[in-house]
């Protein structure tokens, strides 16, 4: 992470989520974002850098991690970010009443030991209920070869939302390599040309699966 250039996102999976965020509104237009699994707040910094005036909330289970990040890597002046400490699902009830998000980002899953109360259609429905009409739910799924978690979470998201896509490096869809796939959910249909825009945004080569192709991934 480059604090001097927060618009530069180094990690590939974070870059792909940033690409999805870029599709939501016109460049520079503020939005509302909810980060479940705050990490180093890389994407929160990206949103602030590219869309000043955005309203953001971040939830992190480990208070020590959140305190360390905010102390060692302060957010830029003018950032409107409210931090919450606690479980991602439980924290949803504590968010401001009536606030809808343009993007909800879930960055918690890594490997087969994903928390069962988060890796399910019921949780995705609860998160989807917080979305603005044109909003997206972005789920980072890190998985091992075979992609059983990617498949199960794709299916769970399909149960909860109208439109679902899987986005990632093309070779990962062979299921022979470990890696991160970004699952994207929307309560309505996808805007025309969005998939092509995500592929063109890189890193290359990239693939976006929807419809029948995604059904093949979920089995």
Protein backbone atom coordinates (compact mmCIF):
# COMPACT_ATOMS: atom_id res chain seq x y z
CA UNK A 1 0.00 0.00 0.00
CA UNK A 2 1.35 3.38 -1.06
CA UNK A 3 0.05 6.05 1.33
CA UNK A 4 1.33 8.75 -0.99
CA UNK A 5 -0.72 7.29 -3.86
CA UNK A 6 -3.79 5.58 -2.34
CA UNK A 7 -5.29 5.35 -5.81
CA UNK A 8 -2.67 2.71 -6.61
CA UNK A 9 -3.84 -0.70 -5.38
CA UNK A 10 -1.07 -3.31 -5.36
CA UNK A 11 -2.80 -6.58 -4.51
CA UNK A 12 -4.60 -8.10 -7.46
CA UNK A 13 -7.82 -9.07 -5.67
CA UNK A 14 -8.14 -5.62 -4.11
CA UNK A 15 -7.55 -4.05 -7.52
CA UNK A 16 -10.42 -6.09 -8.92
CA UNK A 17 -12.77 -4.94 -6.15
CA UNK A 18 -11.63 -1.37 -6.85
CA UNK A 19 -12.48 -1.93 -10.52
CA UNK A 20 -16.01 -2.91 -9.51
CA UNK A 21 -16.32 0.18 -7.32
CA UNK A 22 -15.23 2.28 -10.29
CA UNK A 23 -18.28 1.06 -12.24
CA UNK A 24 -20.82 2.26 -9.69
CA UNK A 25 -20.99 5.98 -10.42
CA UNK A 26 -19.38 8.64 -12.55
CA UNK A 27 -15.66 9.17 -11.79
CA UNK A 28 -15.14 11.30 -8.69
CA UNK A 29 -18.75 11.09 -7.51
CA UNK A 30 -19.00 10.28 -3.78
CA UNK A 31 -20.59 7.04 -2.68
CA UNK A 32 -21.42 5.07 0.46
CA UNK A 33 -19.27 2.04 1.31
CA UNK A 34 -19.32 -0.63 3.99
CA UNK A 35 -16.15 -2.64 4.58
CA UNK A 36 -16.67 -5.91 6.46
CA UNK A 37 -13.17 -7.02 7.40
CA UNK A 38 -11.31 -3.73 7.48
CA UNK A 39 -7.75 -5.04 7.17
CA UNK A 40 -5.36 -2.17 6.45
CA UNK A 41 -8.25 -0.05 5.10
CA UNK A 42 -6.68 -0.11 1.64
CA UNK A 43 -10.00 0.09 -0.18
CA UNK A 44 -11.32 2.74 2.19
CA UNK A 45 -8.29 4.85 1.27
CA UNK A 46 -8.90 4.14 -2.40
CA UNK A 47 -12.52 5.27 -2.18
CA UNK A 48 -11.51 8.46 -0.37
CA UNK A 49 -8.76 9.21 -2.91
CA UNK A 50 -10.92 8.60 -5.98
CA UNK A 51 -14.26 9.78 -4.59
CA UNK A 52 -13.72 12.50 -1.95
CA UNK A 53 -16.74 13.12 0.24
CA UNK A 54 -17.74 9.45 0.35
CA UNK A 55 -19.37 8.13 3.53
CA UNK A 56 -17.72 4.93 4.73
CA UNK A 57 -18.10 2.43 7.57
CA UNK A 58 -15.58 -0.29 8.41
CA UNK A 59 -16.06 -3.34 10.65
CA UNK A 60 -13.12 -5.28 12.07
CA UNK A 61 -13.26 -8.15 14.56
CA UNK A 62 -9.85 -7.43 16.09
CA UNK A 63 -9.73 -4.12 17.93
CA UNK A 64 -5.94 -4.28 18.20
CA UNK A 65 -5.57 -4.54 14.43
CA UNK A 66 -7.89 -1.64 13.77
CA UNK A 67 -6.21 0.55 16.38
CA UNK A 68 -2.76 -0.32 15.01
CA UNK A 69 -3.73 0.49 11.43
CA UNK A 70 -5.33 3.82 12.32
CA UNK A 71 -2.36 4.77 14.50
CA UNK A 72 0.41 3.71 12.13
CA UNK A 73 -1.37 4.46 8.86
CA UNK A 74 -3.72 7.38 9.56
CA UNK A 75 -6.53 8.02 7.12
CA UNK A 76 -6.19 11.13 4.95
CA UNK A 77 -7.57 14.39 6.28
CA UNK A 78 -11.21 14.81 5.41
CA UNK A 79 -12.02 11.09 5.35
CA UNK A 80 -15.54 10.32 6.56
CA UNK A 81 -14.94 6.84 7.99
CA UNK A 82 -16.70 5.36 11.01
CA UNK A 83 -15.01 2.26 12.46
CA UNK A 84 -16.79 -0.53 14.32
CA UNK A 85 -15.24 -3.37 16.32
CA UNK A 86 -17.08 -6.68 16.28
CA UNK A 87 -18.41 -9.56 14.24
CA UNK A 88 -19.33 -8.65 10.67
CA UNK A 89 -22.85 -10.05 10.86
CA UNK A 90 -23.66 -8.72 14.32
CA UNK A 91 -22.36 -5.28 13.35
CA UNK A 92 -24.99 -4.85 10.64
CA UNK A 93 -27.63 -4.11 13.26
CA UNK A 94 -25.52 -1.28 14.69
CA UNK A 95 -25.22 0.70 11.47
CA UNK A 96 -27.12 3.99 11.09
CA UNK A 97 -30.80 3.34 10.44
CA UNK A 98 -31.84 4.07 6.88
CA UNK A 99 -28.32 4.27 5.47
CA UNK A 100 -28.01 2.34 2.22
CA UNK A 101 -24.65 1.49 0.69
CA UNK A 102 -23.50 1.68 -2.90
CA UNK A 103 -21.03 -1.09 -2.13
CA UNK A 104 -20.67 -3.63 0.65
CA UNK A 105 -17.26 -5.34 0.65
CA UNK A 106 -16.73 -8.62 2.51
CA UNK A 107 -13.03 -9.47 2.85
CA UNK A 108 -12.91 -12.20 5.48
CA UNK A 109 -12.86 -15.60 3.74
CA UNK A 110 -9.54 -17.37 3.29
CA UNK A 111 -9.49 -21.09 2.57
CA UNK A 112 -11.99 -23.72 3.64
CA UNK A 113 -12.32 -22.50 7.26
CA UNK A 114 -14.70 -19.64 6.48
CA UNK A 115 -17.02 -18.70 9.37
CA UNK A 116 -20.25 -20.65 8.79
CA UNK A 117 -22.50 -17.79 9.96
CA UNK A 118 -21.00 -15.56 7.24
CA UNK A 119 -20.56 -18.11 4.46
CA UNK A 120 -24.27 -18.58 3.90
CA UNK A 121 -27.20 -17.26 1.90
CA UNK A 122 -28.93 -15.83 4.99
CA UNK A 123 -26.03 -13.51 5.71
CA UNK A 124 -25.84 -12.45 2.09
CA UNK A 125 -29.54 -11.56 2.20
CA UNK A 126 -28.95 -9.42 5.29
CA UNK A 127 -26.04 -7.64 3.59
CA UNK A 128 -27.98 -7.24 0.33
CA UNK A 129 -30.80 -5.53 2.23
CA UNK A 130 -28.37 -2.70 3.03
CA UNK A 131 -27.64 -1.95 -0.62
CA UNK A 132 -28.85 1.05 -2.55
CA UNK A 133 -30.90 0.10 -5.64
CA UNK A 134 -27.86 0.17 -7.94
CA UNK A 135 -25.43 -1.14 -5.31
CA UNK A 136 -23.22 -4.22 -5.31
CA UNK A 137 -22.04 -6.75 -2.75
CA UNK A 138 -18.40 -7.71 -3.37
CA UNK A 139 -17.06 -10.85 -1.66
CA UNK A 140 -13.39 -11.79 -1.75
CA UNK A 141 -13.04 -15.59 -1.60
CA UNK A 142 -9.53 -16.97 -1.16
CA UNK A 143 -9.53 -20.69 -1.89
CA UNK A 144 -7.41 -23.76 -2.51
CA UNK A 145 -7.28 -25.84 -5.72
CA UNK A 146 -10.67 -27.36 -6.39
CA UNK A 147 -12.39 -24.11 -5.38
CA UNK A 148 -15.00 -25.75 -3.17
CA UNK A 149 -15.46 -22.54 -1.17
CA UNK A 150 -15.75 -20.42 -4.30
CA UNK A 151 -18.40 -22.84 -5.63
CA UNK A 152 -20.38 -22.93 -2.39
CA UNK A 153 -20.30 -19.16 -1.94
CA UNK A 154 -21.28 -18.53 -5.55
CA UNK A 155 -24.29 -20.77 -5.00
CA UNK A 156 -25.18 -19.09 -1.70
CA UNK A 157 -24.96 -15.66 -3.30
CA UNK A 158 -27.16 -16.82 -6.17
CA UNK A 159 -29.79 -17.84 -3.61
CA UNK A 160 -29.68 -14.38 -2.03
CA UNK A 161 -29.36 -11.98 -4.96
CA UNK A 162 -30.78 -11.49 -8.45
CA UNK A 163 -27.53 -11.17 -10.41
CA UNK A 164 -24.21 -12.81 -9.49
CA UNK A 165 -20.81 -12.88 -11.18
CA UNK A 166 -17.39 -14.36 -10.47
CA UNK A 167 -14.41 -12.20 -11.43
CA UNK A 168 -10.74 -13.12 -11.36
CA UNK A 169 -7.57 -14.13 -13.16
CA UNK A 170 -8.53 -16.38 -16.06
CA UNK A 171 -6.31 -19.34 -15.14
CA UNK A 172 -7.91 -19.62 -11.69
CA UNK A 173 -11.17 -20.84 -13.20
CA UNK A 174 -9.43 -24.08 -14.13
CA UNK A 175 -9.60 -24.83 -10.36
CA UNK A 176 -6.03 -26.11 -10.45
CA UNK A 177 -4.42 -23.20 -8.59
CA UNK A 178 -5.00 -21.44 -5.28
CA UNK A 179 -6.09 -17.84 -5.49
CA UNK A 180 -8.73 -15.20 -4.96
CA UNK A 181 -12.02 -14.88 -6.81
CA UNK A 182 -14.23 -11.83 -6.39
CA UNK A 183 -17.94 -12.63 -6.26
CA UNK A 184 -20.23 -9.75 -7.15
CA UNK A 185 -23.92 -9.65 -6.34
CA UNK A 186 -26.62 -7.19 -7.33
CA UNK A 187 -30.31 -6.94 -6.49
CA UNK A 188 -31.11 -6.02 -10.09
CA UNK A 189 -29.68 -6.80 -13.50
CA UNK A 190 -26.14 -5.81 -14.51
CA UNK A 191 -25.72 -2.62 -16.55
CA UNK A 192 -24.87 -3.23 -20.17
CA UNK A 193 -21.13 -3.49 -20.80
CA UNK A 194 -20.08 -3.76 -17.16
CA UNK A 195 -18.46 -7.20 -17.58
CA UNK A 196 -16.41 -6.03 -20.54
CA UNK A 197 -15.32 -2.98 -18.54
CA UNK A 198 -14.14 -5.17 -15.64
CA UNK A 199 -12.16 -7.42 -17.96
CA UNK A 200 -10.59 -4.43 -19.71
CA UNK A 201 -9.60 -2.82 -16.39
CA UNK A 202 -7.09 -5.59 -15.63
CA UNK A 203 -4.95 -7.08 -14.26
CA UNK A 204 -4.82 -9.23 -17.39
CA UNK A 205 -5.94 -11.78 -18.36
CA UNK A 206 -9.25 -11.59 -16.52
CA UNK A 207 -12.54 -13.45 -16.77
CA UNK A 208 -16.07 -12.61 -15.61
CA UNK A 209 -18.51 -15.52 -15.33
CA UNK A 210 -22.29 -15.07 -15.17
CA UNK A 211 -25.38 -17.11 -16.02
CA UNK A 212 -24.83 -20.63 -17.32
CA UNK A 213 -21.03 -20.31 -17.08
CA UNK A 214 -21.32 -19.46 -13.39
CA UNK A 215 -23.74 -22.37 -12.89
CA UNK A 216 -21.02 -24.68 -14.19
CA UNK A 217 -18.66 -23.28 -11.54
CA UNK A 218 -21.15 -23.87 -8.73
CA UNK A 219 -21.90 -27.40 -9.93
